[in-house]
Protein backbone atom coordinates (compact mmCIF):
# COMPACT_ATOMS: atom_id res chain seq x y z
CA MET A 1 4.32 -6.26 -45.48
CA THR A 2 4.67 -3.70 -43.02
CA SER A 3 2.34 -3.85 -39.54
CA ALA A 4 1.23 -1.03 -37.51
CA PRO A 5 2.18 -0.02 -34.29
CA ALA A 6 0.35 -2.25 -31.04
CA PRO A 7 -1.87 0.68 -29.89
CA GLN A 8 -1.08 1.44 -25.97
CA LEU A 9 -2.84 -1.13 -23.38
CA ARG A 10 -4.29 -0.59 -20.38
CA TRP A 11 -4.10 -3.02 -17.64
CA ILE A 12 -8.19 -4.18 -17.28
CA ALA A 13 -8.39 -6.78 -15.38
CA ARG A 14 -11.62 -8.46 -13.83
CA VAL A 15 -11.29 -10.28 -10.35
CA VAL A 16 -13.48 -13.21 -10.16
CA HIS A 17 -14.56 -13.28 -7.07
CA PRO A 18 -13.92 -9.64 -5.39
CA ARG A 19 -13.87 -11.08 -1.74
CA ALA A 20 -11.57 -13.52 -1.88
CA ALA A 21 -8.14 -12.84 -0.19
CA ARG A 22 -6.94 -13.88 -4.02
CA GLY A 23 -8.32 -13.52 -7.24
CA VAL A 24 -7.68 -14.56 -10.93
CA VAL A 25 -7.33 -12.21 -13.88
CA GLU A 26 -8.93 -13.61 -17.02
CA PRO A 27 -7.90 -13.23 -20.19
CA SER A 28 -8.61 -10.19 -22.12
CA ALA A 29 -6.98 -8.90 -25.20
CA ARG A 30 -6.91 -5.90 -23.71
CA ALA A 31 -5.27 -7.13 -20.81
CA VAL A 32 -1.35 -6.17 -20.01
CA LEU A 33 0.01 -7.28 -17.33
CA ARG A 34 3.87 -6.09 -16.80
CA GLY A 35 3.81 -4.81 -19.93
CA ARG A 36 2.99 -8.29 -21.91
CA PRO A 37 -0.71 -9.39 -23.02
CA VAL A 38 -2.51 -12.14 -20.80
CA SER A 39 -2.97 -15.13 -22.70
CA ASP A 40 -3.93 -17.51 -19.46
CA SER A 41 -5.63 -16.69 -16.61
CA VAL A 42 -3.13 -15.87 -14.00
CA GLU A 43 -3.32 -15.71 -10.12
CA ILE A 44 -2.57 -12.40 -8.14
CA ASP A 45 -2.67 -11.42 -5.03
CA LEU A 46 -4.99 -8.29 -3.99
CA VAL A 47 -3.87 -5.24 -2.33
CA LYS A 48 -5.68 -3.15 -0.16
CA ILE A 49 -4.75 -0.05 2.31
CA GLY A 50 -3.99 -1.54 5.42
CA ASN A 51 -3.87 1.84 7.08
CA VAL A 52 -3.20 5.69 6.85
CA LEU A 53 -0.29 6.93 8.41
CA HIS A 54 -0.21 9.98 10.78
CA PRO A 55 3.12 11.12 11.98
CA VAL A 56 2.40 12.32 15.80
CA ALA A 57 4.83 14.04 18.25
CA ASP A 58 2.70 12.83 21.25
CA ILE A 59 0.86 8.97 20.92
CA ASP A 60 -0.84 9.25 24.08
CA ALA A 61 -2.44 12.71 23.10
CA ALA A 62 -3.40 11.69 19.83
CA VAL A 63 -5.09 9.09 21.04
CA ARG A 64 -7.04 10.63 23.59
CA PHE A 65 -7.69 13.58 20.61
CA TYR A 66 -8.97 10.92 18.09
CA THR A 67 -10.92 8.74 20.35
CA GLU A 68 -12.24 11.61 21.96
CA THR A 69 -13.12 13.61 19.07
CA PHE A 70 -13.93 11.34 16.73
CA GLY A 71 -14.85 8.14 19.09
CA LEU A 72 -12.60 5.83 17.33
CA ALA A 73 -11.45 2.82 19.06
CA THR A 74 -7.96 2.11 20.26
CA LYS A 75 -7.06 -1.76 18.35
CA PHE A 76 -4.07 -1.20 20.38
CA VAL A 77 -0.92 1.10 21.45
CA ASP A 78 2.93 -0.05 21.30
CA GLY A 79 3.67 2.21 24.34
CA ASP A 80 5.00 5.68 22.32
CA ARG A 81 5.95 3.89 19.21
CA TYR A 82 2.98 3.54 17.56
CA ALA A 83 -1.06 3.61 17.52
CA ALA A 84 -3.74 1.72 15.96
CA LEU A 85 -7.37 3.25 15.95
CA ASP A 86 -10.33 1.65 14.33
CA ALA A 87 -11.45 3.84 11.83
CA GLY A 88 -14.11 1.46 10.27
CA SER A 89 -12.32 -0.43 6.60
CA THR A 90 -9.28 1.01 7.29
CA THR A 91 -7.08 1.89 10.47
CA LEU A 92 -5.56 5.30 11.58
CA ALA A 93 -2.38 4.24 12.30
CA LEU A 94 -0.60 6.62 14.85
CA THR A 95 3.41 6.69 14.60
CA GLY A 96 5.69 8.31 17.49
CA PRO A 97 8.92 9.81 16.40
CA ALA A 98 10.77 6.87 17.23
CA GLU A 99 8.70 4.75 14.26
CA ASP A 100 8.10 7.99 11.89
CA VAL A 101 9.33 6.87 8.28
CA THR A 102 7.87 9.07 6.42
CA GLY A 103 9.52 12.46 7.42
CA GLY A 104 6.40 13.76 9.31
CA VAL A 105 4.23 13.06 6.43
CA PRO A 106 0.92 11.17 6.35
CA ALA A 107 0.93 8.33 3.90
CA ALA A 108 -1.55 5.66 2.81
CA SER A 109 0.13 2.57 3.53
CA PHE A 110 -0.38 -0.51 0.81
CA LYS A 111 -0.10 -4.10 2.45
CA VAL A 112 1.56 -6.21 -0.16
CA PRO A 113 2.05 -9.83 -0.56
CA ASP A 114 5.74 -8.80 -1.73
CA VAL A 115 7.39 -5.32 -0.99
CA THR A 116 9.99 -6.40 -3.66
CA SER A 117 7.59 -6.79 -6.24
CA ALA A 118 5.64 -4.07 -5.99
CA LEU A 119 8.14 -1.08 -5.66
CA THR A 120 9.62 -2.59 -8.72
CA ALA A 121 6.16 -2.10 -10.39
CA LEU A 122 6.01 1.35 -8.42
CA VAL A 123 9.29 2.19 -10.30
CA GLN A 124 8.14 1.01 -13.67
CA GLY A 125 5.26 3.04 -13.36
CA GLY A 126 7.04 6.32 -12.59
CA GLY A 127 7.39 6.04 -8.37
CA SER A 128 10.40 6.51 -6.92
CA ILE A 129 11.96 5.23 -3.61
CA VAL A 130 12.61 7.15 -0.89
CA ARG A 131 13.77 4.63 1.49
CA GLU A 132 14.74 0.84 0.62
CA PRO A 133 13.16 -2.15 1.72
CA GLU A 134 13.66 -2.30 6.07
CA GLN A 135 12.92 -4.78 9.10
CA GLY A 136 10.04 -3.16 10.93
CA PRO A 137 9.21 -4.44 14.23
CA HIS A 138 6.12 -6.45 13.01
CA GLU A 139 6.27 -6.25 9.05
CA VAL A 140 8.85 -5.46 6.38
CA ARG A 141 8.45 -1.97 4.82
CA ALA A 142 10.04 0.72 2.40
CA VAL A 143 8.70 4.25 1.57
CA ALA A 144 8.24 5.11 -2.36
CA ARG A 145 6.70 8.38 -3.92
CA ASP A 146 3.97 8.23 -6.77
CA PRO A 147 4.70 9.85 -10.15
CA TRP A 148 3.06 13.08 -8.54
CA GLY A 149 4.79 13.15 -5.43
CA ASN A 150 2.64 11.66 -2.79
CA THR A 151 4.26 9.51 -0.35
CA VAL A 152 3.13 6.39 0.10
CA VAL A 153 4.22 3.11 2.43
CA ILE A 154 4.52 -0.30 1.08
CA TYR A 155 4.37 -2.93 3.52
CA GLY A 156 4.37 -6.75 3.84
CA PRO A 157 4.91 -10.02 5.57
CA ARG A 158 8.69 -10.38 6.78
């Protein structure tokens, strides 16, 4: 008896408590985690966009522009390297030339629990690594591209 090929499955997960820092993925006949059907509940870390990175030539001028033009509050400034501005539910991260890891390209920055695992999943999903993980002043970070060529920063704890 020959069985039909298995249908292409998408990862469909339901987070039990969406406000929790960690969630539980419930088993589902259609759920797939890393290419394998999920047979038991598994705990996962929720990923979020931690900031939107904007490279700028002059941190002081950029902080003045975004605070005066859009009324964003300054969270902190790290000299001419970096400034974090409060943009509501996300942070506008202004990076000076010394901290420009994207080559002048704005990018969403995804905060993940494990940078290496996130990069593995990104590559398996069709993305590519631009800069391997490196130790930044406050975190481990890497630069990658999604399958459509968009630059993203992946960062997490040391």
